[in-house]
Amino acid sequence: MTATEAPLRFLRLWQTLGVLLIGFAVYLSLMPDPIQVPVEQGDKYGHMLAYATLMFWFAQIYPGQRVRMAWAVAFVALGIELEFLQRLTDYRTFEISDMVADAFGVCVGWLAAPPRLPHALRYIEARWPGGS
């Protein structure tokens, strides 16, 4: 964010939705019957999409490079932790390749975040009634 950009109008909403996205990712990672993506190694695409979404979302809320790096490290750590938690269950499997897919997704989300792609949250806020 540059000095001329105003803070997000709905910051608390975006933060709350972000926390819900994290909770949803945790739920999907630990639920007994995971969603099946009908292609070979489809679960890896799911991992990449989930972690790219998380990183993209939080990179819009927190534009500073240091804060983005902290979120990126946190999301990679979350992916690793969830794999170890899956190992403790009798219905999920531990896969290092899932950790790699998570980390790759974080990288994709970072690269897709503003300023490279448009700022989706600012776009929504500008079109919301009373937006600038």
N, C-alpha and C. Protein backbone atom coordinates (compact mmCIF):
# COMPACT_ATOMS: atom_id res chain seq x y z
N MET A 1 0.85 -1.18 0.00
CA MET A 1 0.00 0.00 0.00
C MET A 1 0.89 1.23 0.00
N THR A 2 0.58 2.15 -0.85
CA THR A 2 1.34 3.39 -0.88
C THR A 2 0.77 4.36 0.15
N ALA A 3 1.52 5.42 0.38
CA ALA A 3 1.10 6.40 1.39
C ALA A 3 -0.21 7.09 0.99
N THR A 4 -0.53 7.10 -0.31
CA THR A 4 -1.74 7.78 -0.76
C THR A 4 -2.98 6.89 -0.69
N GLU A 5 -2.80 5.61 -0.48
CA GLU A 5 -3.96 4.71 -0.40
C GLU A 5 -4.54 4.72 1.00
N ALA A 6 -5.85 4.79 1.05
CA ALA A 6 -6.54 4.75 2.34
C ALA A 6 -6.58 3.32 2.85
N PRO A 7 -6.70 3.16 4.16
CA PRO A 7 -6.84 1.80 4.69
C PRO A 7 -8.13 1.16 4.17
N LEU A 8 -8.19 -0.13 4.20
CA LEU A 8 -9.39 -0.83 3.76
C LEU A 8 -10.57 -0.42 4.65
N ARG A 9 -11.70 -0.14 4.04
CA ARG A 9 -12.90 0.29 4.78
C ARG A 9 -13.46 -0.84 5.63
N PHE A 10 -13.41 -2.05 5.11
CA PHE A 10 -14.01 -3.18 5.80
C PHE A 10 -12.94 -4.12 6.35
N LEU A 11 -11.89 -3.54 6.91
CA LEU A 11 -10.75 -4.32 7.38
C LEU A 11 -11.18 -5.45 8.30
N ARG A 12 -12.00 -5.19 9.28
CA ARG A 12 -12.43 -6.23 10.23
C ARG A 12 -13.18 -7.36 9.52
N LEU A 13 -14.00 -7.01 8.55
CA LEU A 13 -14.71 -8.02 7.78
C LEU A 13 -13.72 -8.90 7.02
N TRP A 14 -12.76 -8.27 6.34
CA TRP A 14 -11.78 -9.03 5.56
C TRP A 14 -10.93 -9.91 6.48
N GLN A 15 -10.57 -9.39 7.65
CA GLN A 15 -9.80 -10.20 8.60
C GLN A 15 -10.63 -11.39 9.10
N THR A 16 -11.89 -11.14 9.40
CA THR A 16 -12.77 -12.21 9.88
C THR A 16 -12.95 -13.28 8.81
N LEU A 17 -13.18 -12.85 7.58
CA LEU A 17 -13.31 -13.82 6.49
C LEU A 17 -12.01 -14.60 6.30
N GLY A 18 -10.88 -13.94 6.48
CA GLY A 18 -9.59 -14.62 6.38
C GLY A 18 -9.43 -15.69 7.44
N VAL A 19 -9.83 -15.37 8.66
CA VAL A 19 -9.76 -16.37 9.74
C VAL A 19 -10.69 -17.54 9.42
N LEU A 20 -11.86 -17.25 8.87
CA LEU A 20 -12.77 -18.33 8.47
C LEU A 20 -12.16 -19.18 7.36
N LEU A 21 -11.45 -18.55 6.43
CA LEU A 21 -10.76 -19.32 5.38
C LEU A 21 -9.71 -20.25 5.98
N ILE A 22 -8.97 -19.76 6.96
CA ILE A 22 -7.98 -20.61 7.63
C ILE A 22 -8.69 -21.77 8.32
N GLY A 23 -9.76 -21.48 9.02
CA GLY A 23 -10.52 -22.53 9.69
C GLY A 23 -11.05 -23.56 8.71
N PHE A 24 -11.51 -23.10 7.56
CA PHE A 24 -12.02 -24.01 6.53
C PHE A 24 -10.90 -24.90 6.00
N ALA A 25 -9.72 -24.33 5.80
CA ALA A 25 -8.57 -25.12 5.34
C ALA A 25 -8.19 -26.18 6.37
N VAL A 26 -8.23 -25.81 7.64
CA VAL A 26 -7.92 -26.77 8.71
C VAL A 26 -8.97 -27.87 8.71
N TYR A 27 -10.23 -27.50 8.63
CA TYR A 27 -11.30 -28.49 8.60
C TYR A 27 -11.14 -29.45 7.42
N LEU A 28 -10.91 -28.90 6.22
CA LEU A 28 -10.74 -29.76 5.05
C LEU A 28 -9.54 -30.69 5.19
N SER A 29 -8.52 -30.23 5.88
CA SER A 29 -7.31 -31.04 6.05
C SER A 29 -7.50 -32.17 7.05
N LEU A 30 -8.44 -32.01 7.96
CA LEU A 30 -8.59 -33.00 9.02
C LEU A 30 -9.90 -33.78 8.96
N MET A 31 -10.78 -33.44 8.03
CA MET A 31 -12.06 -34.15 7.95
C MET A 31 -11.83 -35.60 7.50
N PRO A 32 -12.67 -36.51 7.96
CA PRO A 32 -12.46 -37.93 7.64
C PRO A 32 -12.54 -38.28 6.16
N ASP A 33 -13.46 -37.66 5.43
CA ASP A 33 -13.63 -37.98 4.01
C ASP A 33 -13.27 -36.76 3.17
N PRO A 34 -11.99 -36.63 2.78
CA PRO A 34 -11.59 -35.43 2.03
C PRO A 34 -12.25 -35.35 0.66
N ILE A 35 -12.36 -34.14 0.18
CA ILE A 35 -12.91 -33.91 -1.15
C ILE A 35 -11.97 -34.53 -2.18
N GLN A 36 -12.54 -35.27 -3.11
CA GLN A 36 -11.75 -35.91 -4.16
C GLN A 36 -11.77 -35.06 -5.42
N VAL A 37 -10.57 -34.74 -5.91
CA VAL A 37 -10.44 -34.03 -7.18
C VAL A 37 -10.20 -35.11 -8.23
N PRO A 38 -11.08 -35.25 -9.23
CA PRO A 38 -11.05 -36.41 -10.13
C PRO A 38 -9.96 -36.37 -11.22
N VAL A 39 -8.75 -36.07 -10.84
CA VAL A 39 -7.59 -36.17 -11.73
C VAL A 39 -6.46 -36.81 -10.93
N GLU A 40 -5.47 -37.34 -11.64
CA GLU A 40 -4.35 -37.95 -10.94
C GLU A 40 -3.65 -36.89 -10.09
N GLN A 41 -3.39 -37.24 -8.85
CA GLN A 41 -2.77 -36.33 -7.87
C GLN A 41 -3.63 -35.07 -7.67
N GLY A 42 -4.93 -35.22 -7.80
CA GLY A 42 -5.83 -34.09 -7.70
C GLY A 42 -5.79 -33.39 -6.36
N ASP A 43 -5.48 -34.15 -5.30
CA ASP A 43 -5.42 -33.51 -3.99
C ASP A 43 -4.32 -32.46 -3.93
N LYS A 44 -3.28 -32.63 -4.73
CA LYS A 44 -2.18 -31.64 -4.74
C LYS A 44 -2.70 -30.31 -5.31
N TYR A 45 -3.57 -30.38 -6.31
CA TYR A 45 -4.17 -29.16 -6.84
C TYR A 45 -5.02 -28.48 -5.77
N GLY A 46 -5.72 -29.28 -4.99
CA GLY A 46 -6.51 -28.73 -3.90
C GLY A 46 -5.64 -28.03 -2.86
N HIS A 47 -4.52 -28.66 -2.53
CA HIS A 47 -3.58 -28.04 -1.58
C HIS A 47 -3.06 -26.71 -2.13
N MET A 48 -2.63 -26.72 -3.38
CA MET A 48 -2.10 -25.50 -3.98
C MET A 48 -3.15 -24.39 -4.01
N LEU A 49 -4.36 -24.74 -4.41
CA LEU A 49 -5.43 -23.74 -4.47
C LEU A 49 -5.75 -23.17 -3.09
N ALA A 50 -5.84 -24.04 -2.10
CA ALA A 50 -6.17 -23.58 -0.75
C ALA A 50 -5.12 -22.60 -0.22
N TYR A 51 -3.85 -22.97 -0.34
CA TYR A 51 -2.80 -22.13 0.23
C TYR A 51 -2.53 -20.90 -0.63
N ALA A 52 -2.75 -20.98 -1.93
CA ALA A 52 -2.66 -19.79 -2.78
C ALA A 52 -3.75 -18.80 -2.40
N THR A 53 -4.95 -19.32 -2.14
CA THR A 53 -6.07 -18.46 -1.73
C THR A 53 -5.76 -17.77 -0.41
N LEU A 54 -5.27 -18.53 0.56
CA LEU A 54 -4.94 -17.94 1.86
C LEU A 54 -3.91 -16.83 1.72
N MET A 55 -2.84 -17.11 0.99
CA MET A 55 -1.77 -16.12 0.86
C MET A 55 -2.26 -14.91 0.09
N PHE A 56 -2.98 -15.12 -0.99
CA PHE A 56 -3.52 -14.01 -1.78
C PHE A 56 -4.42 -13.13 -0.93
N TRP A 57 -5.27 -13.76 -0.14
CA TRP A 57 -6.22 -13.02 0.70
C TRP A 57 -5.49 -12.14 1.70
N PHE A 58 -4.57 -12.75 2.45
CA PHE A 58 -3.90 -11.99 3.50
C PHE A 58 -2.88 -10.99 2.94
N ALA A 59 -2.36 -11.24 1.76
CA ALA A 59 -1.45 -10.27 1.14
C ALA A 59 -2.19 -9.00 0.73
N GLN A 60 -3.49 -9.10 0.50
CA GLN A 60 -4.28 -7.91 0.19
C GLN A 60 -4.55 -7.09 1.46
N ILE A 61 -4.73 -7.79 2.55
CA ILE A 61 -5.03 -7.12 3.82
C ILE A 61 -3.77 -6.48 4.40
N TYR A 62 -2.65 -7.18 4.27
CA TYR A 62 -1.38 -6.74 4.85
C TYR A 62 -0.34 -6.60 3.73
N PRO A 63 -0.24 -5.41 3.13
CA PRO A 63 0.61 -5.25 1.95
C PRO A 63 2.11 -5.18 2.21
N GLY A 64 2.54 -4.92 3.42
CA GLY A 64 3.96 -4.79 3.70
C GLY A 64 4.72 -6.11 3.48
N GLN A 65 5.91 -6.01 2.92
CA GLN A 65 6.69 -7.22 2.60
C GLN A 65 7.02 -8.05 3.84
N ARG A 66 7.37 -7.41 4.93
CA ARG A 66 7.71 -8.16 6.15
C ARG A 66 6.50 -8.91 6.70
N VAL A 67 5.35 -8.25 6.68
CA VAL A 67 4.14 -8.89 7.17
C VAL A 67 3.73 -10.02 6.23
N ARG A 68 3.86 -9.80 4.94
CA ARG A 68 3.56 -10.87 3.97
C ARG A 68 4.47 -12.06 4.19
N MET A 69 5.75 -11.80 4.46
CA MET A 69 6.68 -12.89 4.70
C MET A 69 6.26 -13.68 5.95
N ALA A 70 5.84 -12.96 6.98
CA ALA A 70 5.38 -13.64 8.20
C ALA A 70 4.18 -14.53 7.91
N TRP A 71 3.22 -14.02 7.12
CA TRP A 71 2.06 -14.83 6.76
C TRP A 71 2.49 -16.03 5.93
N ALA A 72 3.41 -15.82 5.00
CA ALA A 72 3.87 -16.94 4.16
C ALA A 72 4.50 -18.03 5.02
N VAL A 73 5.35 -17.64 5.94
CA VAL A 73 5.98 -18.62 6.84
C VAL A 73 4.91 -19.32 7.68
N ALA A 74 3.95 -18.55 8.17
CA ALA A 74 2.88 -19.14 8.99
C ALA A 74 2.06 -20.15 8.19
N PHE A 75 1.76 -19.83 6.94
CA PHE A 75 0.96 -20.77 6.14
C PHE A 75 1.74 -22.02 5.78
N VAL A 76 3.02 -21.89 5.49
CA VAL A 76 3.83 -23.08 5.22
C VAL A 76 3.90 -23.93 6.49
N ALA A 77 4.09 -23.28 7.64
CA ALA A 77 4.12 -24.01 8.91
C ALA A 77 2.78 -24.69 9.18
N LEU A 78 1.68 -24.02 8.87
CA LEU A 78 0.35 -24.61 9.04
C LEU A 78 0.21 -25.88 8.20
N GLY A 79 0.64 -25.81 6.94
CA GLY A 79 0.57 -26.98 6.08
C GLY A 79 1.38 -28.15 6.62
N ILE A 80 2.55 -27.86 7.14
CA ILE A 80 3.39 -28.91 7.73
C ILE A 80 2.72 -29.48 8.98
N GLU A 81 2.24 -28.60 9.83
CA GLU A 81 1.59 -29.04 11.07
C GLU A 81 0.37 -29.91 10.78
N LEU A 82 -0.42 -29.52 9.81
CA LEU A 82 -1.62 -30.29 9.49
C LEU A 82 -1.28 -31.68 8.96
N GLU A 83 -0.19 -31.79 8.23
CA GLU A 83 0.24 -33.13 7.78
C GLU A 83 0.61 -34.01 8.96
N PHE A 84 1.30 -33.45 9.94
CA PHE A 84 1.65 -34.23 11.13
C PHE A 84 0.40 -34.59 11.93
N LEU A 85 -0.57 -33.69 11.97
CA LEU A 85 -1.83 -34.01 12.65
C LEU A 85 -2.58 -35.11 11.90
N GLN A 86 -2.51 -35.10 10.57
CA GLN A 86 -3.15 -36.17 9.79
C GLN A 86 -2.52 -37.52 10.12
N ARG A 87 -1.23 -37.51 10.36
CA ARG A 87 -0.52 -38.75 10.70
C ARG A 87 -1.09 -39.36 11.99
N LEU A 88 -1.59 -38.52 12.88
CA LEU A 88 -2.12 -39.00 14.15
C LEU A 88 -3.51 -39.61 14.03
N THR A 89 -4.16 -39.40 12.88
CA THR A 89 -5.48 -39.97 12.69
C THR A 89 -5.37 -41.35 12.05
N ASP A 90 -6.44 -42.10 12.12
CA ASP A 90 -6.46 -43.39 11.45
C ASP A 90 -7.19 -43.32 10.10
N TYR A 91 -7.55 -42.10 9.68
CA TYR A 91 -8.32 -41.95 8.45
C TYR A 91 -7.67 -41.01 7.43
N ARG A 92 -6.56 -40.37 7.76
CA ARG A 92 -5.84 -39.50 6.82
C ARG A 92 -4.39 -39.96 6.73
N THR A 93 -3.71 -39.53 5.67
CA THR A 93 -2.32 -39.95 5.48
C THR A 93 -1.38 -38.76 5.52
N PHE A 94 -0.16 -39.03 5.91
CA PHE A 94 0.92 -38.06 5.97
C PHE A 94 1.67 -38.11 4.64
N GLU A 95 1.77 -36.94 3.97
CA GLU A 95 2.48 -36.90 2.69
C GLU A 95 3.34 -35.65 2.61
N ILE A 96 4.62 -35.85 2.41
CA ILE A 96 5.52 -34.72 2.23
C ILE A 96 5.14 -33.94 0.96
N SER A 97 4.66 -34.65 -0.05
CA SER A 97 4.28 -33.96 -1.29
C SER A 97 3.13 -32.98 -1.06
N ASP A 98 2.29 -33.24 -0.06
CA ASP A 98 1.24 -32.28 0.27
C ASP A 98 1.84 -31.01 0.86
N MET A 99 2.89 -31.17 1.67
CA MET A 99 3.58 -30.00 2.23
C MET A 99 4.19 -29.16 1.12
N VAL A 100 4.77 -29.83 0.14
CA VAL A 100 5.37 -29.12 -1.00
C VAL A 100 4.29 -28.38 -1.78
N ALA A 101 3.15 -29.03 -1.99
CA ALA A 101 2.05 -28.39 -2.71
C ALA A 101 1.53 -27.17 -1.94
N ASP A 102 1.46 -27.28 -0.62
CA ASP A 102 1.04 -26.14 0.21
C ASP A 102 2.01 -24.97 0.03
N ALA A 103 3.31 -25.26 0.13
CA ALA A 103 4.32 -24.21 0.01
C ALA A 103 4.30 -23.59 -1.38
N PHE A 104 4.11 -24.42 -2.40
CA PHE A 104 4.01 -23.91 -3.77
C PHE A 104 2.79 -22.99 -3.88
N GLY A 105 1.68 -23.38 -3.28
CA GLY A 105 0.48 -22.54 -3.29
C GLY A 105 0.72 -21.20 -2.62
N VAL A 106 1.46 -21.19 -1.52
CA VAL A 106 1.79 -19.94 -0.85
C VAL A 106 2.58 -19.03 -1.80
N CYS A 107 3.53 -19.61 -2.51
CA CYS A 107 4.31 -18.82 -3.48
C CYS A 107 3.43 -18.26 -4.58
N VAL A 108 2.53 -19.07 -5.09
CA VAL A 108 1.61 -18.61 -6.14
C VAL A 108 0.74 -17.47 -5.63
N GLY A 109 0.21 -17.63 -4.42
CA GLY A 109 -0.63 -16.58 -3.84
C GLY A 109 0.13 -15.28 -3.65
N TRP A 110 1.39 -15.38 -3.22
CA TRP A 110 2.22 -14.19 -3.05
C TRP A 110 2.43 -13.51 -4.40
N LEU A 111 2.78 -14.30 -5.40
CA LEU A 111 3.06 -13.73 -6.73
C LEU A 111 1.81 -13.14 -7.38
N ALA A 112 0.65 -13.70 -7.07
CA ALA A 112 -0.59 -13.21 -7.67
C ALA A 112 -1.14 -11.98 -6.94
N ALA A 113 -0.64 -11.71 -5.76
CA ALA A 113 -1.16 -10.61 -4.95
C ALA A 113 -0.78 -9.26 -5.54
N PRO A 114 -1.55 -8.22 -5.18
CA PRO A 114 -1.19 -6.88 -5.63
C PRO A 114 0.26 -6.57 -5.24
N PRO A 115 0.99 -5.88 -6.07
CA PRO A 115 0.55 -5.09 -7.21
C PRO A 115 0.53 -5.83 -8.54
N ARG A 116 0.89 -7.10 -8.58
CA ARG A 116 0.92 -7.82 -9.86
C ARG A 116 -0.47 -8.02 -10.44
N LEU A 117 -1.41 -8.40 -9.63
CA LEU A 117 -2.80 -8.49 -10.06
C LEU A 117 -3.60 -7.42 -9.32
N PRO A 118 -4.76 -7.07 -9.84
CA PRO A 118 -5.57 -6.05 -9.17
C PRO A 118 -5.92 -6.44 -7.73
N HIS A 119 -6.14 -5.44 -6.94
CA HIS A 119 -6.49 -5.61 -5.53
C HIS A 119 -7.98 -5.89 -5.42
N ALA A 120 -8.34 -7.15 -5.25
CA ALA A 120 -9.74 -7.56 -5.27
C ALA A 120 -10.56 -6.91 -4.15
N LEU A 121 -10.00 -6.80 -2.97
CA LEU A 121 -10.76 -6.24 -1.85
C LEU A 121 -11.02 -4.75 -2.06
N ARG A 122 -10.05 -4.02 -2.59
CA ARG A 122 -10.27 -2.60 -2.90
C ARG A 122 -11.30 -2.45 -4.02
N TYR A 123 -11.27 -3.36 -4.96
CA TYR A 123 -12.24 -3.35 -6.05
C TYR A 123 -13.65 -3.50 -5.48
N ILE A 124 -13.83 -4.46 -4.58
CA ILE A 124 -15.15 -4.68 -3.95
C ILE A 124 -15.56 -3.45 -3.15
N GLU A 125 -14.64 -2.92 -2.37
CA GLU A 125 -14.98 -1.76 -1.54
C GLU A 125 -15.36 -0.55 -2.39
N ALA A 126 -14.69 -0.36 -3.51
CA ALA A 126 -14.99 0.79 -4.37
C ALA A 126 -16.38 0.68 -5.00
N ARG A 127 -16.87 -0.53 -5.17
CA ARG A 127 -18.18 -0.73 -5.78
C ARG A 127 -19.30 -0.91 -4.76
N TRP A 128 -18.93 -0.99 -3.50
CA TRP A 128 -19.91 -1.10 -2.42
C TRP A 128 -20.60 0.24 -2.26
N PRO A 129 -21.88 0.25 -1.95
CA PRO A 129 -22.57 1.54 -1.76
C PRO A 129 -21.79 2.43 -0.79
N GLY A 130 -21.57 3.67 -1.21
CA GLY A 130 -20.81 4.62 -0.39
C GLY A 130 -19.32 4.52 -0.65
N GLY A 131 -18.91 3.65 -1.58
CA GLY A 131 -17.48 3.49 -1.89
C GLY A 131 -16.96 4.68 -2.66
N SER A 132 -15.64 4.76 -2.73
CA SER A 132 -15.03 5.89 -3.43
C SER A 132 -14.84 5.61 -4.89
